[in-house]
PDB file of N, CA and C in Angstrom:
ATOM      1  N   MET A   1      -3.048 -43.953 -38.919  1.00  0.00           N
ATOM      2  CA  MET A   1      -2.544 -44.814 -39.970  1.00  0.00           C
ATOM      3  C   MET A   1      -3.379 -46.086 -40.019  1.00  0.00           C
ATOM      4  N   ALA A   2      -3.589 -46.576 -41.200  1.00  0.00           N
ATOM      5  CA  ALA A   2      -4.436 -47.749 -41.386  1.00  0.00           C
ATOM      6  C   ALA A   2      -3.695 -49.020 -41.004  1.00  0.00           C
ATOM      7  N   LEU A   3      -4.453 -49.999 -40.594  1.00  0.00           N
ATOM      8  CA  LEU A   3      -3.894 -51.294 -40.210  1.00  0.00           C
ATOM      9  C   LEU A   3      -4.323 -52.319 -41.240  1.00  0.00           C
ATOM     10  N   LYS A   4      -3.569 -52.473 -42.269  1.00  0.00           N
ATOM     11  CA  LYS A   4      -3.915 -53.259 -43.440  1.00  0.00           C
ATOM     12  C   LYS A   4      -4.064 -54.741 -43.120  1.00  0.00           C
ATOM     13  N   HIS A   5      -5.278 -55.222 -43.021  1.00  0.00           N
ATOM     14  CA  HIS A   5      -5.597 -56.649 -42.884  1.00  0.00           C
ATOM     15  C   HIS A   5      -4.842 -57.337 -41.747  1.00  0.00           C
ATOM     16  N   ARG A   6      -4.719 -56.675 -40.632  1.00  0.00           N
ATOM     17  CA  ARG A   6      -4.080 -57.223 -39.417  1.00  0.00           C
ATOM     18  C   ARG A   6      -2.618 -57.583 -39.635  1.00  0.00           C
ATOM     19  N   LYS A   7      -1.951 -56.929 -40.568  1.00  0.00           N
ATOM     20  CA  LYS A   7      -0.531 -57.172 -40.788  1.00  0.00           C
ATOM     21  C   LYS A   7       0.327 -56.279 -39.900  1.00  0.00           C
ATOM     22  N   TYR A   8      -0.281 -55.243 -39.347  1.00  0.00           N
ATOM     23  CA  TYR A   8       0.426 -54.319 -38.471  1.00  0.00           C
ATOM     24  C   TYR A   8      -0.108 -54.454 -37.048  1.00  0.00           C
ATOM     25  N   VAL A   9       0.781 -54.343 -36.087  1.00  0.00           N
ATOM     26  CA  VAL A   9       0.398 -54.339 -34.687  1.00  0.00           C
ATOM     27  C   VAL A   9       1.073 -53.151 -34.014  1.00  0.00           C
ATOM     28  N   TYR A  10       0.546 -52.760 -32.890  1.00  0.00           N
ATOM     29  CA  TYR A  10       1.177 -51.739 -32.078  1.00  0.00           C
ATOM     30  C   TYR A  10       1.755 -52.414 -30.849  1.00  0.00           C
ATOM     31  N   VAL A  11       2.995 -52.086 -30.537  1.00  0.00           N
ATOM     32  CA  VAL A  11       3.690 -52.675 -29.399  1.00  0.00           C
ATOM     33  C   VAL A  11       3.773 -51.618 -28.316  1.00  0.00           C
ATOM     34  N   LYS A  12       3.298 -51.966 -27.122  1.00  0.00           N
ATOM     35  CA  LYS A  12       3.330 -51.022 -26.004  1.00  0.00           C
ATOM     36  C   LYS A  12       4.695 -51.085 -25.332  1.00  0.00           C
ATOM     37  N   ARG A  13       5.379 -49.938 -25.311  1.00  0.00           N
ATOM     38  CA  ARG A  13       6.676 -49.850 -24.650  1.00  0.00           C
ATOM     39  C   ARG A  13       6.476 -49.507 -23.178  1.00  0.00           C
ATOM     40  N   SER A  14       7.527 -49.652 -22.393  1.00  0.00           N
ATOM     41  CA  SER A  14       7.422 -49.398 -20.957  1.00  0.00           C
ATOM     42  C   SER A  14       7.322 -47.910 -20.633  1.00  0.00           C
ATOM     43  N   ASP A  15       7.675 -47.025 -21.572  1.00  0.00           N
ATOM     44  CA  ASP A  15       7.590 -45.590 -21.323  1.00  0.00           C
ATOM     45  C   ASP A  15       6.241 -44.999 -21.713  1.00  0.00           C
ATOM     46  N   GLY A  16       5.291 -45.830 -22.143  1.00  0.00           N
ATOM     47  CA  GLY A  16       3.947 -45.363 -22.440  1.00  0.00           C
ATOM     48  C   GLY A  16       3.669 -45.122 -23.912  1.00  0.00           C
ATOM     49  N   TYR A  17       4.666 -45.202 -24.757  1.00  0.00           N
ATOM     50  CA  TYR A  17       4.470 -45.021 -26.188  1.00  0.00           C
ATOM     51  C   TYR A  17       4.111 -46.343 -26.844  1.00  0.00           C
ATOM     52  N   TYR A  18       3.481 -46.232 -28.010  1.00  0.00           N
ATOM     53  CA  TYR A  18       3.147 -47.381 -28.838  1.00  0.00           C
ATOM     54  C   TYR A  18       3.908 -47.239 -30.149  1.00  0.00           C
ATOM     55  N   VAL A  19       4.524 -48.318 -30.609  1.00  0.00           N
ATOM     56  CA  VAL A  19       5.294 -48.305 -31.853  1.00  0.00           C
ATOM     57  C   VAL A  19       4.620 -49.252 -32.838  1.00  0.00           C
ATOM     58  N   LYS A  20       4.457 -48.788 -34.076  1.00  0.00           N
ATOM     59  CA  LYS A  20       3.824 -49.595 -35.112  1.00  0.00           C
ATOM     60  C   LYS A  20       4.847 -50.557 -35.696  1.00  0.00           C
ATOM     61  N   VAL A  21       4.478 -51.846 -35.750  1.00  0.00           N
ATOM     62  CA  VAL A  21       5.382 -52.893 -36.221  1.00  0.00           C
ATOM     63  C   VAL A  21       4.651 -53.727 -37.271  1.00  0.00           C
ATOM     64  N   ARG A  22       5.328 -53.991 -38.364  1.00  0.00           N
ATOM     65  CA  ARG A  22       4.793 -54.866 -39.413  1.00  0.00           C
ATOM     66  C   ARG A  22       5.189 -56.302 -39.077  1.00  0.00           C
ATOM     67  N   VAL A  23       4.233 -57.212 -39.126  1.00  0.00           N
ATOM     68  CA  VAL A  23       4.487 -58.625 -38.851  1.00  0.00           C
ATOM     69  C   VAL A  23       4.335 -59.391 -40.161  1.00  0.00           C
ATOM     70  N   LEU A  24       5.395 -60.086 -40.561  1.00  0.00           N
ATOM     71  CA  LEU A  24       5.393 -60.811 -41.826  1.00  0.00           C
ATOM     72  C   LEU A  24       4.879 -62.234 -41.657  1.00  0.00           C
ATOM     73  N   ASN A  25       4.053 -62.674 -42.590  1.00  0.00           N
ATOM     74  CA  ASN A  25       3.550 -64.046 -42.697  1.00  0.00           C
ATOM     75  C   ASN A  25       2.692 -64.493 -41.522  1.00  0.00           C
ATOM     76  N   ILE A  26       2.184 -63.564 -40.740  1.00  0.00           N
ATOM     77  CA  ILE A  26       1.261 -63.888 -39.653  1.00  0.00           C
ATOM     78  C   ILE A  26       0.166 -62.836 -39.665  1.00  0.00           C
ATOM     79  N   ARG A  27      -1.074 -63.268 -39.584  1.00  0.00           N
ATOM     80  CA  ARG A  27      -2.187 -62.334 -39.459  1.00  0.00           C
ATOM     81  C   ARG A  27      -2.709 -62.455 -38.030  1.00  0.00           C
ATOM     82  N   LEU A  28      -2.480 -61.432 -37.242  1.00  0.00           N
ATOM     83  CA  LEU A  28      -2.884 -61.469 -35.843  1.00  0.00           C
ATOM     84  C   LEU A  28      -4.294 -60.937 -35.694  1.00  0.00           C
ATOM     85  N   GLY A  29      -5.077 -61.628 -34.878  1.00  0.00           N
ATOM     86  CA  GLY A  29      -6.419 -61.181 -34.599  1.00  0.00           C
ATOM     87  C   GLY A  29      -6.431 -60.251 -33.403  1.00  0.00           C
ATOM     88  N   ARG A  30      -7.569 -60.137 -32.775  1.00  0.00           N
ATOM     89  CA  ARG A  30      -7.684 -59.278 -31.594  1.00  0.00           C
ATOM     90  C   ARG A  30      -6.803 -59.773 -30.454  1.00  0.00           C
ATOM     91  N   LYS A  31      -6.670 -61.077 -30.358  1.00  0.00           N
ATOM     92  CA  LYS A  31      -5.796 -61.675 -29.346  1.00  0.00           C
ATOM     93  C   LYS A  31      -4.630 -62.343 -30.055  1.00  0.00           C
ATOM     94  N   VAL A  32      -3.476 -62.325 -29.426  1.00  0.00           N
ATOM     95  CA  VAL A  32      -2.304 -62.952 -30.029  1.00  0.00           C
ATOM     96  C   VAL A  32      -2.467 -64.462 -29.938  1.00  0.00           C
ATOM     97  N   GLU A  33      -2.401 -65.123 -31.098  1.00  0.00           N
ATOM     98  CA  GLU A  33      -2.548 -66.574 -31.109  1.00  0.00           C
ATOM     99  C   GLU A  33      -1.315 -67.231 -30.497  1.00  0.00           C
ATOM    100  N   GLN A  34      -1.526 -68.229 -29.698  1.00  0.00           N
ATOM    101  CA  GLN A  34      -0.428 -68.939 -29.059  1.00  0.00           C
ATOM    102  C   GLN A  34       0.246 -69.910 -30.025  1.00  0.00           C
ATOM    103  N   THR A  35      -0.433 -70.260 -31.111  1.00  0.00           N
ATOM    104  CA  THR A  35       0.135 -71.226 -32.047  1.00  0.00           C
ATOM    105  C   THR A  35       1.133 -70.584 -33.003  1.00  0.00           C
ATOM    106  N   ALA A  36       1.093 -69.278 -33.150  1.00  0.00           N
ATOM    107  CA  ALA A  36       2.001 -68.607 -34.077  1.00  0.00           C
ATOM    108  C   ALA A  36       3.400 -68.522 -33.478  1.00  0.00           C
ATOM    109  N   ASP A  37       4.409 -68.695 -34.332  1.00  0.00           N
ATOM    110  CA  ASP A  37       5.796 -68.611 -33.892  1.00  0.00           C
ATOM    111  C   ASP A  37       6.205 -67.142 -33.856  1.00  0.00           C
ATOM    112  N   LEU A  38       6.114 -66.521 -32.688  1.00  0.00           N
ATOM    113  CA  LEU A  38       6.428 -65.110 -32.539  1.00  0.00           C
ATOM    114  C   LEU A  38       7.867 -64.875 -32.106  1.00  0.00           C
ATOM    115  N   SER A  39       8.661 -65.941 -31.975  1.00  0.00           N
ATOM    116  CA  SER A  39      10.031 -65.793 -31.480  1.00  0.00           C
ATOM    117  C   SER A  39      11.040 -65.548 -32.597  1.00  0.00           C
ATOM    118  N   ASN A  40      10.618 -65.561 -33.841  1.00  0.00           N
ATOM    119  CA  ASN A  40      11.522 -65.353 -34.967  1.00  0.00           C
ATOM    120  C   ASN A  40      11.683 -63.854 -35.217  1.00  0.00           C
ATOM    121  N   PRO A  41      12.870 -63.283 -34.983  1.00  0.00           N
ATOM    122  CA  PRO A  41      13.029 -61.824 -35.137  1.00  0.00           C
ATOM    123  C   PRO A  41      12.983 -61.333 -36.577  1.00  0.00           C
ATOM    124  N   THR A  42      13.108 -62.224 -37.556  1.00  0.00           N
ATOM    125  CA  THR A  42      13.055 -61.778 -38.946  1.00  0.00           C
ATOM    126  C   THR A  42      11.629 -61.507 -39.411  1.00  0.00           C
ATOM    127  N   ARG A  43      10.636 -61.826 -38.620  1.00  0.00           N
ATOM    128  CA  ARG A  43       9.242 -61.585 -38.973  1.00  0.00           C
ATOM    129  C   ARG A  43       8.789 -60.159 -38.679  1.00  0.00           C
ATOM    130  N   TYR A  44       9.579 -59.383 -37.976  1.00  0.00           N
ATOM    131  CA  TYR A  44       9.164 -58.060 -37.519  1.00  0.00           C
ATOM    132  C   TYR A  44       9.933 -56.963 -38.221  1.00  0.00           C
ATOM    133  N   ILE A  45       9.206 -55.932 -38.662  1.00  0.00           N
ATOM    134  CA  ILE A  45       9.805 -54.735 -39.238  1.00  0.00           C
ATOM    135  C   ILE A  45       9.247 -53.549 -38.461  1.00  0.00           C
ATOM    136  N   VAL A  46      10.110 -52.841 -37.756  1.00  0.00           N
ATOM    137  CA  VAL A  46       9.690 -51.662 -36.999  1.00  0.00           C
ATOM    138  C   VAL A  46       9.566 -50.514 -37.993  1.00  0.00           C
ATOM    139  N   THR A  47       8.360 -49.939 -38.105  1.00  0.00           N
ATOM    140  CA  THR A  47       8.101 -48.925 -39.127  1.00  0.00           C
ATOM    141  C   THR A  47       8.622 -47.551 -38.744  1.00  0.00           C
ATOM    142  N   GLY A  48       8.813 -47.288 -37.480  1.00  0.00           N
ATOM    143  CA  GLY A  48       9.294 -45.974 -37.060  1.00  0.00           C
ATOM    144  C   GLY A  48       8.190 -45.020 -36.682  1.00  0.00           C
ATOM    145  N   PHE A  49       6.956 -45.473 -36.670  1.00  0.00           N
ATOM    146  CA  PHE A  49       5.830 -44.635 -36.269  1.00  0.00           C
ATOM    147  C   PHE A  49       5.582 -44.828 -34.782  1.00  0.00           C
ATOM    148  N   LYS A  50       5.634 -43.735 -34.018  1.00  0.00           N
ATOM    149  CA  LYS A  50       5.470 -43.785 -32.567  1.00  0.00           C
ATOM    150  C   LYS A  50       4.336 -42.855 -32.174  1.00  0.00           C
ATOM    151  N   THR A  51       3.456 -43.320 -31.274  1.00  0.00           N
ATOM    152  CA  THR A  51       2.316 -42.524 -30.858  1.00  0.00           C
ATOM    153  C   THR A  51       1.970 -42.806 -29.404  1.00  0.00           C
ATOM    154  N   LYS A  52       1.221 -41.897 -28.812  1.00  0.00           N
ATOM    155  CA  LYS A  52       0.704 -42.101 -27.455  1.00  0.00           C
ATOM    156  C   LYS A  52      -0.679 -42.743 -27.485  1.00  0.00           C
ATOM    157  N   LYS A  53      -1.434 -42.534 -28.587  1.00  0.00           N
ATOM    158  CA  LYS A  53      -2.793 -43.054 -28.704  1.00  0.00           C
ATOM    159  C   LYS A  53      -2.901 -43.895 -29.967  1.00  0.00           C
ATOM    160  N   PRO A  54      -2.892 -45.215 -29.844  1.00  0.00           N
ATOM    161  CA  PRO A  54      -3.053 -46.056 -31.042  1.00  0.00           C
ATOM    162  C   PRO A  54      -4.504 -46.047 -31.515  1.00  0.00           C
ATOM    163  N   PRO A  55      -4.758 -46.459 -32.753  1.00  0.00           N
ATOM    164  CA  PRO A  55      -6.139 -46.535 -33.243  1.00  0.00           C
ATOM    165  C   PRO A  55      -6.969 -47.525 -32.424  1.00  0.00           C
ATOM    166  N   LEU A  56      -8.260 -47.298 -32.398  1.00  0.00           N
ATOM    167  CA  LEU A  56      -9.148 -48.161 -31.616  1.00  0.00           C
ATOM    168  C   LEU A  56      -9.185 -49.588 -32.145  1.00  0.00           C
ATOM    169  N   THR A  57      -8.976 -49.776 -33.439  1.00  0.00           N
ATOM    170  CA  THR A  57      -9.057 -51.107 -34.039  1.00  0.00           C
ATOM    171  C   THR A  57      -7.721 -51.836 -34.038  1.00  0.00           C
ATOM    172  N   ALA A  58      -6.693 -51.239 -33.471  1.00  0.00           N
ATOM    173  CA  ALA A  58      -5.352 -51.824 -33.525  1.00  0.00           C
ATOM    174  C   ALA A  58      -5.205 -53.015 -32.584  1.00  0.00           C
ATOM    175  N   VAL A  59      -4.384 -53.968 -32.999  1.00  0.00           N
ATOM    176  CA  VAL A  59      -3.989 -55.080 -32.137  1.00  0.00           C
ATOM    177  C   VAL A  59      -2.775 -54.603 -31.347  1.00  0.00           C
ATOM    178  N   ILE A  60      -2.872 -54.649 -30.027  1.00  0.00           N
ATOM    179  CA  ILE A  60      -1.805 -54.150 -29.167  1.00  0.00           C
ATOM    180  C   ILE A  60      -1.189 -55.327 -28.427  1.00  0.00           C
ATOM    181  N   ILE A  61       0.137 -55.446 -28.531  1.00  0.00           N
ATOM    182  CA  ILE A  61       0.850 -56.492 -27.811  1.00  0.00           C
ATOM    183  C   ILE A  61       1.902 -55.833 -26.935  1.00  0.00           C
ATOM    184  N   SER A  62       2.342 -56.551 -25.924  1.00  0.00           N
ATOM    185  CA  SER A  62       3.370 -56.008 -25.038  1.00  0.00           C
ATOM    186  C   SER A  62       4.746 -56.353 -25.589  1.00  0.00           C
ATOM    187  N   GLU A  63       5.740 -55.600 -25.160  1.00  0.00           N
ATOM    188  CA  GLU A  63       7.083 -55.813 -25.685  1.00  0.00           C
ATOM    189  C   GLU A  63       7.719 -57.090 -25.159  1.00  0.00           C
ATOM    190  N   GLU A  64       7.206 -57.675 -24.098  1.00  0.00           N
ATOM    191  CA  GLU A  64       7.762 -58.912 -23.553  1.00  0.00           C
ATOM    192  C   GLU A  64       7.544 -60.097 -24.478  1.00  0.00           C
ATOM    193  N   VAL A  65       6.568 -60.007 -25.372  1.00  0.00           N
ATOM    194  CA  VAL A  65       6.273 -61.090 -26.310  1.00  0.00           C
ATOM    195  C   VAL A  65       7.323 -61.156 -27.419  1.00  0.00           C
ATOM    196  N   LEU A  66       7.947 -60.033 -27.722  1.00  0.00           N
ATOM    197  CA  LEU A  66       8.883 -59.942 -28.839  1.00  0.00           C
ATOM    198  C   LEU A  66      10.273 -60.440 -28.462  1.00  0.00           C
ATOM    199  N   PRO A  67      11.056 -60.872 -29.453  1.00  0.00           N
ATOM    200  CA  PRO A  67      12.449 -61.255 -29.202  1.00  0.00           C
ATOM    201  C   PRO A  67      13.290 -60.031 -28.789  1.00  0.00           C
ATOM    202  N   GLU A  68      14.419 -60.279 -28.170  1.00  0.00           N
ATOM    203  CA  GLU A  68      15.275 -59.211 -27.640  1.00  0.00           C
ATOM    204  C   GLU A  68      15.770 -58.268 -28.732  1.00  0.00           C
ATOM    205  N   GLU A  69      16.084 -58.784 -29.902  1.00  0.00           N
ATOM    206  CA  GLU A  69      16.591 -57.954 -31.001  1.00  0.00           C
ATOM    207  C   GLU A  69      15.558 -56.926 -31.450  1.00  0.00           C
ATOM    208  N   VAL A  70      14.307 -57.334 -31.479  1.00  0.00           N
ATOM    209  CA  VAL A  70      13.240 -56.430 -31.906  1.00  0.00           C
ATOM    210  C   VAL A  70      12.972 -55.396 -30.817  1.00  0.00           C
ATOM    211  N   ARG A  71      13.072 -55.781 -29.551  1.00  0.00           N
ATOM    212  CA  ARG A  71      12.868 -54.836 -28.445  1.00  0.00           C
ATOM    213  C   ARG A  71      13.871 -53.697 -28.497  1.00  0.00           C
ATOM    214  N   LYS A  72      15.103 -53.991 -28.865  1.00  0.00           N
ATOM    215  CA  LYS A  72      16.121 -52.936 -28.985  1.00  0.00           C
ATOM    216  C   LYS A  72      15.741 -51.954 -30.086  1.00  0.00           C
ATOM    217  N   GLN A  73      15.185 -52.446 -31.176  1.00  0.00           N
ATOM    218  CA  GLN A  73      14.784 -51.581 -32.274  1.00  0.00           C
ATOM    219  C   GLN A  73      13.619 -50.681 -31.891  1.00  0.00           C
ATOM    220  N   LEU A  74      12.771 -51.138 -30.975  1.00  0.00           N
ATOM    221  CA  LEU A  74      11.625 -50.330 -30.548  1.00  0.00           C
ATOM    222  C   LEU A  74      12.063 -49.028 -29.892  1.00  0.00           C
ATOM    223  N   TYR A  75      13.156 -49.081 -29.144  1.00  0.00           N
ATOM    224  CA  TYR A  75      13.612 -47.895 -28.420  1.00  0.00           C
ATOM    225  C   TYR A  75      14.518 -47.005 -29.248  1.00  0.00           C
ATOM    226  N   GLU A  76      14.863 -47.404 -30.459  1.00  0.00           N
ATOM    227  CA  GLU A  76      15.633 -46.568 -31.356  1.00  0.00           C
ATOM    228  C   GLU A  76      14.728 -45.587 -32.103  1.00  0.00           C
ATOM    229  N   VAL A  77      13.421 -45.800 -32.033  1.00  0.00           N
ATOM    230  CA  VAL A  77      12.450 -44.932 -32.719  1.00  0.00           C
ATOM    231  C   VAL A  77      12.210 -43.695 -31.884  1.00  0.00           C
TER     232      VAL A  77
END
Protein backbone atom coordinates (compact mmCIF):
# COMPACT_ATOMS: atom_id res chain seq x y z
CA MET A 1 0.00 0.00 0.00
CA ALA A 2 1.23 3.46 -0.83
CA LEU A 3 2.25 5.96 1.81
CA LYS A 4 0.75 9.19 0.54
CA HIS A 5 3.09 12.11 1.33
CA ARG A 6 4.10 10.81 4.78
CA LYS A 7 0.53 10.97 6.07
CA TYR A 8 0.58 7.27 6.94
CA VAL A 9 2.86 5.54 9.41
CA TYR A 10 3.28 1.95 10.47
CA VAL A 11 3.13 1.21 14.18
CA LYS A 12 5.09 -1.77 15.46
CA ARG A 13 3.07 -3.84 17.91
CA SER A 14 4.60 -6.04 20.59
CA ASP A 15 3.46 -9.23 18.81
CA GLY A 16 5.57 -8.46 15.72
CA TYR A 17 2.85 -7.09 13.45
CA TYR A 18 2.78 -3.62 11.92
CA VAL A 19 -0.49 -1.67 11.68
CA LYS A 20 -1.03 1.15 9.20
CA VAL A 21 -2.21 4.37 10.87
CA ARG A 22 -3.25 7.65 9.27
CA VAL A 23 -1.90 10.73 11.08
CA LEU A 24 -3.92 13.91 10.65
CA ASN A 25 -2.34 17.38 10.34
CA ILE A 26 1.21 16.11 10.83
CA ARG A 27 3.68 15.08 8.15
CA LEU A 28 6.20 12.73 9.70
CA GLY A 29 9.62 12.33 8.19
CA ARG A 30 12.00 9.42 8.55
CA LYS A 31 12.38 10.25 12.23
CA VAL A 32 9.53 11.26 14.50
CA GLU A 33 9.83 14.96 15.21
CA GLN A 34 9.91 15.82 18.90
CA THR A 35 8.16 19.15 18.28
CA ALA A 36 4.96 17.57 16.98
CA ASP A 37 2.13 17.02 19.46
CA LEU A 38 1.72 13.24 19.22
CA SER A 39 -0.29 12.90 22.44
CA ASN A 40 -3.62 13.96 20.90
CA PRO A 41 -5.63 10.75 20.20
CA THR A 42 -7.93 12.48 17.70
CA ARG A 43 -5.04 12.79 15.24
CA TYR A 44 -4.84 9.04 14.61
CA ILE A 45 -7.06 6.84 12.44
CA VAL A 46 -6.27 3.12 12.50
CA THR A 47 -6.88 1.90 8.94
CA GLY A 48 -7.18 -1.79 9.75
CA PHE A 49 -4.31 -2.91 7.54
CA LYS A 50 -1.99 -5.33 9.37
CA THR A 51 1.21 -6.84 7.98
CA LYS A 52 4.40 -8.59 9.02
CA LYS A 53 6.56 -6.75 6.44
CA PRO A 54 5.99 -3.00 6.05
CA PRO A 55 7.16 -1.17 2.91
CA LEU A 56 10.80 -0.14 2.81
CA THR A 57 9.90 3.56 2.56
CA ALA A 58 7.49 3.50 5.50
CA VAL A 59 7.94 5.54 8.67
CA ILE A 60 7.83 3.08 11.56
CA ILE A 61 7.07 4.17 15.11
CA SER A 62 6.68 2.15 18.28
CA GLU A 63 3.37 1.82 20.08
CA GLU A 64 4.77 3.47 23.23
CA VAL A 65 4.73 6.84 21.45
CA LEU A 66 0.96 6.69 20.92
CA PRO A 67 -1.75 7.57 23.47
CA GLU A 68 -3.43 4.70 25.36
CA GLU A 69 -6.72 5.00 23.43
CA VAL A 70 -4.98 4.50 20.10
CA ARG A 71 -2.96 1.54 21.44
CA LYS A 72 -6.19 -0.28 22.28
CA GLN A 73 -7.41 0.23 18.72
CA LEU A 74 -4.19 -1.28 17.34
CA TYR A 75 -4.96 -4.65 18.91
CA GLU A 76 -8.56 -4.70 17.67
CA VAL A 77 -7.25 -5.11 14.10
